[in-house]
Protein backbone atom coordinates (compact mmCIF):
# COMPACT_ATOMS: atom_id res chain seq x y z
CA MET A 1 -93.70 7.48 56.26
CA ASN A 2 -94.12 8.95 59.68
CA GLU A 3 -92.24 11.87 61.10
CA GLU A 4 -89.78 9.70 63.05
CA GLN A 5 -88.81 7.74 59.92
CA PHE A 6 -88.53 10.98 58.00
CA GLN A 7 -86.27 12.43 60.70
CA ARG A 8 -84.06 9.29 60.59
CA HIS A 9 -83.74 9.65 56.80
CA VAL A 10 -82.87 13.32 57.17
CA ASP A 11 -80.34 12.49 59.91
CA PHE A 12 -78.85 9.74 57.73
CA ILE A 13 -78.62 12.07 54.75
CA LEU A 14 -77.03 14.79 56.89
CA ALA A 15 -74.57 12.29 58.36
CA GLN A 16 -73.67 11.07 54.86
CA GLN A 17 -73.31 14.66 53.67
CA ALA A 18 -70.99 15.42 56.62
CA LYS A 19 -68.97 12.28 55.85
CA PHE A 20 -68.76 13.26 52.17
CA ASN A 21 -67.62 16.76 53.14
CA SER A 22 -64.97 15.28 55.43
CA ASP A 23 -63.84 12.85 52.72
CA ILE A 24 -63.69 15.66 50.15
CA ALA A 25 -61.62 17.78 52.55
CA LYS A 26 -59.19 14.86 53.02
CA LEU A 27 -58.99 14.38 49.26
CA GLU A 28 -58.29 18.08 48.77
CA GLU A 29 -55.50 17.87 51.38
CA ASN A 30 -54.07 14.84 49.58
CA ILE A 31 -54.26 16.66 46.25
CA ALA A 32 -52.45 19.68 47.73
CA ARG A 33 -49.77 17.40 49.22
CA HIS A 34 -49.38 15.57 45.91
CA GLU A 35 -49.08 18.88 44.07
CA GLN A 36 -46.20 19.81 46.37
CA LEU A 37 -44.59 16.42 45.85
CA PHE A 38 -44.95 16.73 42.08
CA ALA A 39 -43.37 20.19 42.21
CA LYS A 40 -40.44 18.78 44.21
CA LEU A 41 -40.21 15.85 41.80
CA GLY A 42 -40.11 18.29 38.89
CA ASP A 43 -37.25 20.15 40.58
CA VAL A 44 -35.39 16.87 41.11
CA ILE A 45 -35.91 15.87 37.48
CA LEU A 46 -34.66 19.27 36.30
CA SER A 47 -31.64 18.96 38.59
CA LEU A 48 -30.88 15.49 37.23
CA ALA A 49 -31.25 16.72 33.66
CA ASN A 50 -28.79 19.54 34.34
CA TYR A 51 -26.39 17.10 36.02
CA ASN A 52 -26.63 14.72 33.07
CA GLU A 53 -25.94 17.56 30.66
CA GLY A 54 -22.76 18.32 32.58
CA GLN A 55 -21.83 14.64 32.55
CA ASP A 56 -22.40 14.49 28.80
CA GLU A 57 -19.93 17.34 28.37
CA ARG A 58 -17.38 15.60 30.60
CA ILE A 59 -17.80 12.32 28.73
CA ALA A 60 -17.34 14.11 25.40
CA GLU A 61 -14.16 15.74 26.74
CA HIS A 62 -12.87 12.35 27.93
CA ASP A 63 -13.65 10.88 24.51
CA ARG A 64 -11.64 13.68 22.87
CA ARG A 65 -8.72 13.07 25.23
CA ILE A 66 -8.82 9.32 24.63
CA ALA A 67 -8.81 9.89 20.87
CA ALA A 68 -5.84 12.26 21.24
CA ASN A 69 -4.03 9.68 23.39
CA ASP A 70 -4.75 7.00 20.81
CA ARG A 71 -3.20 9.22 18.11
CA GLN A 72 -0.17 9.91 20.28
CA ILE A 73 0.28 6.20 21.01
CA ALA A 74 0.06 5.40 17.30
CA GLU A 75 2.68 8.08 16.59
CA LEU A 76 4.93 6.67 19.32
CA ILE A 77 4.56 3.17 17.88
CA GLU A 78 5.57 4.45 14.45
CA ALA A 79 8.48 6.38 15.95
CA GLY A 80 9.52 3.21 17.80
CA LYS A 81 9.46 1.28 14.53
CA GLU A 82 11.67 3.92 12.92
CA THR A 83 14.03 3.81 15.90
CA ASP A 84 14.20 0.00 15.64
CA ARG A 85 15.02 0.31 11.92
CA ARG A 86 17.79 2.79 12.65
CA PHE A 87 19.20 0.56 15.40
CA ARG A 88 19.30 -2.36 12.97
CA GLU A 89 21.15 -0.20 10.46
CA THR A 90 23.55 0.96 13.17
CA ASP A 91 24.08 -2.65 14.28
CA GLU A 92 24.88 -3.61 10.69
CA ARG A 93 27.39 -0.78 10.40
CA ILE A 94 28.99 -1.65 13.73
CA ASN A 95 29.24 -5.30 12.66
CA ILE A 96 30.91 -4.22 9.40
CA LEU A 97 33.30 -2.00 11.37
CA ILE A 98 34.07 -4.86 13.77
CA LYS A 99 34.90 -7.13 10.83
CA VAL A 100 37.17 -4.46 9.32
CA VAL A 101 38.95 -3.95 12.65
CA GLU A 102 39.27 -7.73 13.21
CA ARG A 103 40.75 -8.18 9.74
CA PHE A 104 43.12 -5.33 10.36
CA TYR A 105 44.33 -6.77 13.67
CA ASP A 106 44.44 -10.30 12.31
CA GLY A 107 46.78 -9.14 9.62
CA ASN A 108 44.34 -9.60 6.84
CA GLY A 109 43.86 -5.91 6.45
CA LYS A 110 47.44 -5.29 5.22
């Protein structure tokens, strides 16, 4: 190998080394940028986790309120049934009273 060929090889190797150094610098920049993005992503994930925790508490509170409302509705239904029963009894008594009054006015009650 003559000196000119040797110099071309050296120049090629130096050019490749410079390219590698440039590529490594770009990769390091990308890594640094990705590290920042991952840090931001971690913050977002933490924020979402905290938000979800708050939502879980709200959902649990809504579930408790719904259960309480269900109990109240059931109590109202039972109270309504009792009221209906009392109205039927009152209707029966009124009907009996009406019959007594009708008999009295018809002369049958003498």
